[in-house]
Structure formats: C-alpha cells, structure tokens
Amino acid sequence: PPFFRVSVSFAPGSALDQSTWIPVEQQITHPSVPPCPPPTLCDPTTTNVFAAGDPSITDLGLVVLKVPVAAIEPADIAPPGTLERWEAVQDPMTFVGYGFPSRAADGGLNPLSEWSGVRHFGSSRLQAVLNEAWAAWSLPGLVCQGDSGGPTFVDADLNGDPRHDKLVAIASDGGTQCGNKDLRTRVDTVAGQHWIKETIKTALRGKM
C-alpha cells in the first residue's frame, strides 16, 4: 500500500533498532511470481498462492535502497551450477535469518509483538536439487516464520576461488511447522543471475 514506508536493516543485534533502518526506494519481484495483493500476500506456506518447488516460479526479489551502504561488504553470488556439483551435499552451508526459532506453542503463528529482531545463524545441509528454480535442505530445517528471503551461503572453495560466503539460495518455504520441509530458491542458476543483473541495470539506469 502507498502509505507503507519500507526499510531494511543489516543490524546483527536487533533489526528493531530504528537507527539502523535504511529506506527502500523500490521493491522488484521476479515476473514469474503471481500477483500477491494484501492482505494474504505471497506466503506459499500459508496462502497456497503458489506451490514452493514449482519449476515455473522463481521466488526472487530485489530491493533498491535510497542510499548506498558502505558499512558492509556484500557477498558474492555463487557460480552457476554450484548446487549441482556432486560435492554440494557435503559442502558446509550457513543459513542466516531474522525469523522466529520455532512455531508458537500451539503450533500456530507467533504474535509479531514477540519478535526479537535478532539475526541468527545455523549450519545447513543440502538434500537435493529439485529443478532449475528450487532445492531442498535436510530436515529438521532451519527456516521458520519470518525467515523468508534469508540467505544461504556455501562455505567452500569454488572454481579455485578461496574466498568464502557465496550466496547460493534464498529461503522461501520452511513448511507449515518450521521443519516438515525446507525449500529454498536457487540463485546459482544462469537464468536467475541474468534476471538479477539486468534488473539492477534497469533500476539504476541514470543514477550512476
């Protein structure tokens, strides 16, 4: 809605600290994602607007910040096909999120008033590549309520590059119970990386 003002935070201690908020100028959704009007929006866990794992849906999005951020070092995107390597199921991977650690005691959603805003890390293992858009991670999964969009990094030497922290996937569906499935959208595909690159060029045209 036009009366919403969206910001992001990279604060590890608490994203609730408004001094860390960076205003967002534009939000861009991958064209394969169906329209997601409020109030249900586009959570495949709760609304069934699309099935996580659908090979025709690439659940990616980009945000364009109003101001540049110099205090962080961006991670590189993993080379295409990183998850398709035979070693990928053994590669150590790290998931980073800001969500709740588990569902509420009654199995439902946690009240937003109880959200801590603290960034958390967890070791994660690839289970299988599903298709050109999605992959599954071993259970019990780490992705839970509020973690959608959280990055997965692969910590391995890739193509002789000793630098670590390569972004390989984005959390999209941790299942209805935060553990009955853990599907994430791949960013190690040629098509996905092409869309990211071209979308950034379009969004920043005339600003650099």
C-alpha atoms as a PDB file:
ATOM      1  CA  PRO A   1       0.000   0.000   0.000  1.00  0.00           C
ATOM      2  CA  PRO A   2       1.217   3.549  -0.712  1.00  0.00           C
ATOM      3  CA  PHE A   3       1.076   4.536   2.961  1.00  0.00           C
ATOM      4  CA  PHE A   4       3.688   1.894   3.855  1.00  0.00           C
ATOM      5  CA  ARG A   5       7.288   3.013   4.198  1.00  0.00           C
ATOM      6  CA  VAL A   6       9.655   0.074   3.856  1.00  0.00           C
ATOM      7  CA  SER A   7      13.154  -0.076   5.329  1.00  0.00           C
ATOM      8  CA  VAL A   8      15.816  -2.740   5.755  1.00  0.00           C
ATOM      9  CA  SER A   9      18.373  -3.355   8.450  1.00  0.00           C
ATOM     10  CA  PHE A  10      21.687  -5.182   8.491  1.00  0.00           C
ATOM     11  CA  ALA A  11      21.990  -4.935  12.282  1.00  0.00           C
ATOM     12  CA  PRO A  12      23.075  -8.203  13.932  1.00  0.00           C
ATOM     13  CA  GLY A  13      21.854  -7.225  17.401  1.00  0.00           C
ATOM     14  CA  SER A  14      18.335  -6.110  16.630  1.00  0.00           C
ATOM     15  CA  ALA A  15      16.581  -5.083  13.452  1.00  0.00           C
ATOM     16  CA  LEU A  16      14.120  -3.279  15.739  1.00  0.00           C
ATOM     17  CA  ASP A  17      16.702  -0.544  16.314  1.00  0.00           C
ATOM     18  CA  GLN A  18      15.321   2.223  14.084  1.00  0.00           C
ATOM     19  CA  SER A  19      18.705   3.944  13.921  1.00  0.00           C
ATOM     20  CA  THR A  20      19.874   1.061  11.719  1.00  0.00           C
ATOM     21  CA  TRP A  21      16.999   1.306   9.241  1.00  0.00           C
ATOM     22  CA  ILE A  22      17.818   2.098   5.623  1.00  0.00           C
ATOM     23  CA  PRO A  23      14.898   3.320   3.481  1.00  0.00           C
ATOM     24  CA  VAL A  24      13.900   1.311   0.433  1.00  0.00           C
ATOM     25  CA  GLU A  25      13.212   3.106  -2.821  1.00  0.00           C
ATOM     26  CA  GLN A  26      11.796   0.213  -4.810  1.00  0.00           C
ATOM     27  CA  GLN A  27      10.825  -3.435  -4.416  1.00  0.00           C
ATOM     28  CA  ILE A  28      11.048  -5.630  -7.515  1.00  0.00           C
ATOM     29  CA  THR A  29       9.537  -9.124  -7.761  1.00  0.00           C
ATOM     30  CA  HIS A  30      10.536 -11.754 -10.287  1.00  0.00           C
ATOM     31  CA  PRO A  31       7.957 -11.769 -13.111  1.00  0.00           C
ATOM     32  CA  SER A  32       7.185 -15.469 -12.592  1.00  0.00           C
ATOM     33  CA  VAL A  33       5.683 -14.815  -9.151  1.00  0.00           C
ATOM     34  CA  PRO A  34       1.877 -14.412  -9.341  1.00  0.00           C
ATOM     35  CA  PRO A  35       0.150 -11.214  -8.139  1.00  0.00           C
ATOM     36  CA  CYS A  36       0.149 -11.099  -4.347  1.00  0.00           C
ATOM     37  CA  PRO A  37      -2.259  -8.397  -3.166  1.00  0.00           C
ATOM     38  CA  PRO A  38      -2.821  -7.781   0.552  1.00  0.00           C
ATOM     39  CA  PRO A  39      -3.924  -8.997   2.987  1.00  0.00           C
ATOM     40  CA  THR A  40      -2.732 -12.547   2.152  1.00  0.00           C
ATOM     41  CA  LEU A  41       0.328 -11.512   0.124  1.00  0.00           C
ATOM     42  CA  CYS A  42       2.558 -14.257  -1.237  1.00  0.00           C
ATOM     43  CA  ASP A  43       3.489 -16.712   1.502  1.00  0.00           C
ATOM     44  CA  PRO A  44       3.394 -20.202  -0.059  1.00  0.00           C
ATOM     45  CA  THR A  45       3.381 -21.693   3.450  1.00  0.00           C
ATOM     46  CA  THR A  46       0.029 -20.225   4.463  1.00  0.00           C
ATOM     47  CA  THR A  47      -1.818 -18.960   1.392  1.00  0.00           C
ATOM     48  CA  ASN A  48      -1.084 -21.563  -1.295  1.00  0.00           C
ATOM     49  CA  VAL A  49      -0.750 -18.744  -3.814  1.00  0.00           C
ATOM     50  CA  PHE A  50       1.890 -20.936  -5.428  1.00  0.00           C
ATOM     51  CA  ALA A  51       3.482 -24.241  -4.549  1.00  0.00           C
ATOM     52  CA  ALA A  52       7.041 -23.963  -3.322  1.00  0.00           C
ATOM     53  CA  GLY A  53       9.146 -26.079  -5.636  1.00  0.00           C
ATOM     54  CA  ASP A  54       7.093 -25.170  -8.704  1.00  0.00           C
ATOM     55  CA  PRO A  55       9.654 -25.146 -11.545  1.00  0.00           C
ATOM     56  CA  SER A  56       7.848 -22.251 -13.227  1.00  0.00           C
ATOM     57  CA  ILE A  57       8.155 -19.980 -10.166  1.00  0.00           C
ATOM     58  CA  THR A  58      11.461 -18.310  -9.363  1.00  0.00           C
ATOM     59  CA  ASP A  59      10.758 -16.750  -5.981  1.00  0.00           C
ATOM     60  CA  LEU A  60      13.313 -13.961  -6.184  1.00  0.00           C
ATOM     61  CA  GLY A  61      13.059 -10.283  -5.417  1.00  0.00           C
ATOM     62  CA  LEU A  62      15.305  -7.245  -5.195  1.00  0.00           C
ATOM     63  CA  VAL A  63      15.157  -4.076  -3.137  1.00  0.00           C
ATOM     64  CA  VAL A  64      16.711  -0.829  -4.294  1.00  0.00           C
ATOM     65  CA  LEU A  65      17.967   1.244  -1.370  1.00  0.00           C
ATOM     66  CA  LYS A  66      17.577   5.021  -1.318  1.00  0.00           C
ATOM     67  CA  VAL A  67      21.114   5.483  -0.038  1.00  0.00           C
ATOM     68  CA  PRO A  68      24.295   3.442  -0.583  1.00  0.00           C
ATOM     69  CA  VAL A  69      25.564   1.246   2.243  1.00  0.00           C
ATOM     70  CA  ALA A  70      29.300   1.388   2.817  1.00  0.00           C
ATOM     71  CA  ALA A  71      29.455  -0.308   6.224  1.00  0.00           C
ATOM     72  CA  ILE A  72      29.020  -3.860   4.923  1.00  0.00           C
ATOM     73  CA  GLU A  73      30.901  -5.978   2.415  1.00  0.00           C
ATOM     74  CA  PRO A  74      28.451  -7.625   0.006  1.00  0.00           C
ATOM     75  CA  ALA A  75      28.680 -11.359  -0.510  1.00  0.00           C
ATOM     76  CA  ASP A  76      29.343 -12.757  -3.965  1.00  0.00           C
ATOM     77  CA  ILE A  77      26.742 -14.879  -5.720  1.00  0.00           C
ATOM     78  CA  ALA A  78      27.882 -18.468  -6.175  1.00  0.00           C
ATOM     79  CA  PRO A  79      28.841 -19.541  -9.718  1.00  0.00           C
ATOM     80  CA  PRO A  80      26.077 -21.143 -11.810  1.00  0.00           C
ATOM     81  CA  GLY A  81      25.594 -24.822 -11.060  1.00  0.00           C
ATOM     82  CA  THR A  82      27.155 -24.711  -7.584  1.00  0.00           C
ATOM     83  CA  LEU A  83      24.345 -26.789  -6.063  1.00  0.00           C
ATOM     84  CA  GLU A  84      24.520 -29.316  -8.900  1.00  0.00           C
ATOM     85  CA  ARG A  85      28.083 -30.353  -8.072  1.00  0.00           C
ATOM     86  CA  TRP A  86      28.329 -33.816  -6.515  1.00  0.00           C
ATOM     87  CA  GLU A  87      30.190 -32.301  -3.570  1.00  0.00           C
ATOM     88  CA  ALA A  88      27.344 -29.890  -2.792  1.00  0.00           C
ATOM     89  CA  VAL A  89      25.543 -32.297  -0.438  1.00  0.00           C
ATOM     90  CA  GLN A  90      28.713 -32.370   1.666  1.00  0.00           C
ATOM     91  CA  ASP A  91      29.581 -28.665   1.483  1.00  0.00           C
ATOM     92  CA  PRO A  92      29.132 -26.785   4.757  1.00  0.00           C
ATOM     93  CA  MET A  93      26.449 -24.132   4.335  1.00  0.00           C
ATOM     94  CA  THR A  94      25.169 -21.395   6.609  1.00  0.00           C
ATOM     95  CA  PHE A  95      21.640 -20.033   6.773  1.00  0.00           C
ATOM     96  CA  VAL A  96      21.107 -16.513   8.114  1.00  0.00           C
ATOM     97  CA  GLY A  97      17.694 -15.259   9.191  1.00  0.00           C
ATOM     98  CA  TYR A  98      15.747 -12.876  11.385  1.00  0.00           C
ATOM     99  CA  GLY A  99      12.696 -15.075  11.970  1.00  0.00           C
ATOM    100  CA  PHE A 100      11.315 -16.915  14.966  1.00  0.00           C
ATOM    101  CA  PRO A 101      13.276 -20.020  16.036  1.00  0.00           C
ATOM    102  CA  SER A 102      10.089 -22.139  16.073  1.00  0.00           C
ATOM    103  CA  ARG A 103       6.327 -22.028  15.800  1.00  0.00           C
ATOM    104  CA  ALA A 104       4.214 -20.910  18.740  1.00  0.00           C
ATOM    105  CA  ALA A 105       3.450 -23.480  21.450  1.00  0.00           C
ATOM    106  CA  ASP A 106       0.006 -24.163  19.958  1.00  0.00           C
ATOM    107  CA  GLY A 107       1.532 -24.775  16.525  1.00  0.00           C
ATOM    108  CA  GLY A 108       0.219 -21.518  15.107  1.00  0.00           C
ATOM    109  CA  LEU A 109       1.943 -18.281  14.183  1.00  0.00           C
ATOM    110  CA  ASN A 110       3.894 -16.330  16.777  1.00  0.00           C
ATOM    111  CA  PRO A 111       2.491 -12.888  17.602  1.00  0.00           C
ATOM    112  CA  LEU A 112       4.592 -10.193  15.947  1.00  0.00           C
ATOM    113  CA  SER A 113       4.859  -8.426  19.310  1.00  0.00           C
ATOM    114  CA  GLU A 114       7.182 -11.233  20.438  1.00  0.00           C
ATOM    115  CA  TRP A 115       9.595 -10.882  17.524  1.00  0.00           C
ATOM    116  CA  SER A 116      13.127 -10.225  18.833  1.00  0.00           C
ATOM    117  CA  GLY A 117      14.611  -8.880  15.581  1.00  0.00           C
ATOM    118  CA  VAL A 118      17.885 -10.672  16.361  1.00  0.00           C
ATOM    119  CA  ARG A 119      19.853 -12.156  13.473  1.00  0.00           C
ATOM    120  CA  HIS A 120      20.635 -15.861  13.824  1.00  0.00           C
ATOM    121  CA  PHE A 121      22.926 -18.291  12.045  1.00  0.00           C
ATOM    122  CA  GLY A 122      22.686 -22.029  11.552  1.00  0.00           C
ATOM    123  CA  SER A 123      24.559 -24.824   9.810  1.00  0.00           C
ATOM    124  CA  SER A 124      22.558 -26.301   6.950  1.00  0.00           C
ATOM    125  CA  ARG A 125      22.942 -29.246   4.569  1.00  0.00           C
ATOM    126  CA  LEU A 126      21.673 -29.526   1.018  1.00  0.00           C
ATOM    127  CA  GLN A 127      19.401 -32.517   0.476  1.00  0.00           C
ATOM    128  CA  ALA A 128      18.697 -32.354  -3.257  1.00  0.00           C
ATOM    129  CA  VAL A 129      18.324 -30.042  -6.218  1.00  0.00           C
ATOM    130  CA  LEU A 130      14.673 -30.183  -7.289  1.00  0.00           C
ATOM    131  CA  ASN A 131      14.766 -28.290 -10.579  1.00  0.00           C
ATOM    132  CA  GLU A 132      16.141 -25.127 -12.197  1.00  0.00           C
ATOM    133  CA  ALA A 133      14.470 -22.919  -9.595  1.00  0.00           C
ATOM    134  CA  TRP A 134      14.438 -24.792  -6.278  1.00  0.00           C
ATOM    135  CA  ALA A 135      16.432 -27.042  -3.964  1.00  0.00           C
ATOM    136  CA  ALA A 136      15.627 -28.813  -0.696  1.00  0.00           C
ATOM    137  CA  TRP A 137      17.618 -28.795   2.531  1.00  0.00           C
ATOM    138  CA  SER A 138      17.840 -31.605   5.061  1.00  0.00           C
ATOM    139  CA  LEU A 139      15.388 -31.767   7.935  1.00  0.00           C
ATOM    140  CA  PRO A 140      14.990 -30.622  10.560  1.00  0.00           C
ATOM    141  CA  GLY A 141      15.155 -27.395   8.591  1.00  0.00           C
ATOM    142  CA  LEU A 142      16.154 -24.001   9.907  1.00  0.00           C
ATOM    143  CA  VAL A 143      13.708 -21.813   8.005  1.00  0.00           C
ATOM    144  CA  CYS A 144      10.765 -20.671  10.103  1.00  0.00           C
ATOM    145  CA  GLN A 145       8.229 -17.857  10.391  1.00  0.00           C
ATOM    146  CA  GLY A 146       9.832 -14.568   9.388  1.00  0.00           C
ATOM    147  CA  ASP A 147      12.871 -16.124   7.701  1.00  0.00           C
ATOM    148  CA  SER A 148      11.587 -15.801   4.134  1.00  0.00           C
ATOM    149  CA  GLY A 149      14.232 -14.184   1.978  1.00  0.00           C
ATOM    150  CA  GLY A 150      17.037 -15.192   4.314  1.00  0.00           C
ATOM    151  CA  PRO A 151      20.279 -16.107   2.507  1.00  0.00           C
ATOM    152  CA  THR A 152      22.069 -19.438   2.375  1.00  0.00           C
ATOM    153  CA  PHE A 153      25.841 -19.250   1.929  1.00  0.00           C
ATOM    154  CA  VAL A 154      28.065 -22.082   0.792  1.00  0.00           C
ATOM    155  CA  ASP A 155      31.414 -22.173   2.567  1.00  0.00           C
ATOM    156  CA  ALA A 156      33.691 -23.924   0.096  1.00  0.00           C
ATOM    157  CA  ASP A 157      36.377 -23.155  -2.438  1.00  0.00           C
ATOM    158  CA  LEU A 158      34.603 -22.755  -5.761  1.00  0.00           C
ATOM    159  CA  ASN A 159      36.428 -22.825  -9.071  1.00  0.00           C
ATOM    160  CA  GLY A 160      39.715 -22.242  -7.295  1.00  0.00           C
ATOM    161  CA  ASP A 161      38.403 -19.102  -5.589  1.00  0.00           C
ATOM    162  CA  PRO A 162      39.468 -19.232  -1.914  1.00  0.00           C
ATOM    163  CA  ARG A 163      37.008 -16.545  -0.814  1.00  0.00           C
ATOM    164  CA  HIS A 164      34.060 -17.852   1.157  1.00  0.00           C
ATOM    165  CA  ASP A 165      30.487 -16.685   1.769  1.00  0.00           C
ATOM    166  CA  LYS A 166      28.997 -17.341  -1.652  1.00  0.00           C
ATOM    167  CA  LEU A 167      25.248 -16.711  -1.789  1.00  0.00           C
ATOM    168  CA  VAL A 168      23.624 -19.828  -3.211  1.00  0.00           C
ATOM    169  CA  ALA A 169      19.915 -19.762  -2.243  1.00  0.00           C
ATOM    170  CA  ILE A 170      17.101 -17.745  -0.673  1.00  0.00           C
ATOM    171  CA  ALA A 171      14.667 -19.147   1.911  1.00  0.00           C
ATOM    172  CA  SER A 172      11.148 -19.421   0.582  1.00  0.00           C
ATOM    173  CA  ASP A 173       9.236 -22.200   2.346  1.00  0.00           C
ATOM    174  CA  GLY A 174      10.106 -23.773   5.657  1.00  0.00           C
ATOM    175  CA  GLY A 175       6.827 -25.659   5.785  1.00  0.00           C
ATOM    176  CA  THR A 176       3.813 -25.131   7.988  1.00  0.00           C
ATOM    177  CA  GLN A 177       5.561 -26.409  11.114  1.00  0.00           C
ATOM    178  CA  CYS A 178       9.023 -24.913  10.564  1.00  0.00           C
ATOM    179  CA  GLY A 179      10.530 -28.280   9.861  1.00  0.00           C
ATOM    180  CA  ASN A 180       8.304 -30.539   7.775  1.00  0.00           C
ATOM    181  CA  LYS A 181      10.050 -29.207   4.660  1.00  0.00           C
ATOM    182  CA  ASP A 182      12.745 -26.700   3.830  1.00  0.00           C
ATOM    183  CA  LEU A 183      12.657 -25.467   0.238  1.00  0.00           C
ATOM    184  CA  ARG A 184      14.779 -22.568  -0.959  1.00  0.00           C
ATOM    185  CA  THR A 185      15.026 -20.695  -4.240  1.00  0.00           C
ATOM    186  CA  ARG A 186      18.307 -21.185  -6.071  1.00  0.00           C
ATOM    187  CA  VAL A 187      20.395 -18.186  -7.089  1.00  0.00           C
ATOM    188  CA  ASP A 188      23.129 -20.341  -8.641  1.00  0.00           C
ATOM    189  CA  THR A 189      21.355 -20.535 -12.000  1.00  0.00           C
ATOM    190  CA  VAL A 190      22.184 -18.750 -15.234  1.00  0.00           C
ATOM    191  CA  ALA A 191      18.589 -17.551 -15.636  1.00  0.00           C
ATOM    192  CA  GLY A 192      18.330 -16.258 -12.072  1.00  0.00           C
ATOM    193  CA  GLN A 193      21.626 -14.407 -12.220  1.00  0.00           C
ATOM    194  CA  HIS A 194      20.753 -12.917 -15.606  1.00  0.00           C
ATOM    195  CA  TRP A 195      17.498 -11.539 -14.180  1.00  0.00           C
ATOM    196  CA  ILE A 196      19.302 -10.083 -11.166  1.00  0.00           C
ATOM    197  CA  LYS A 197      21.949  -8.398 -13.312  1.00  0.00           C
ATOM    198  CA  GLU A 198      19.521  -6.968 -15.863  1.00  0.00           C
ATOM    199  CA  THR A 199      17.068  -5.813 -13.213  1.00  0.00           C
ATOM    200  CA  ILE A 200      19.803  -3.953 -11.353  1.00  0.00           C
ATOM    201  CA  LYS A 201      20.904  -2.269 -14.584  1.00  0.00           C
ATOM    202  CA  THR A 202      17.349  -1.132 -15.278  1.00  0.00           C
ATOM    203  CA  ALA A 203      16.699   0.048 -11.734  1.00  0.00           C
ATOM    204  CA  LEU A 204      19.930   2.037 -11.501  1.00  0.00           C
ATOM    205  CA  ARG A 205      19.921   3.442 -15.023  1.00  0.00           C
ATOM    206  CA  GLY A 206      20.719   7.140 -14.889  1.00  0.00           C
ATOM    207  CA  LYS A 207      21.706   7.038 -11.192  1.00  0.00           C
ATOM    208  CA  MET A 208      25.351   6.064 -11.517  1.00  0.00           C
END
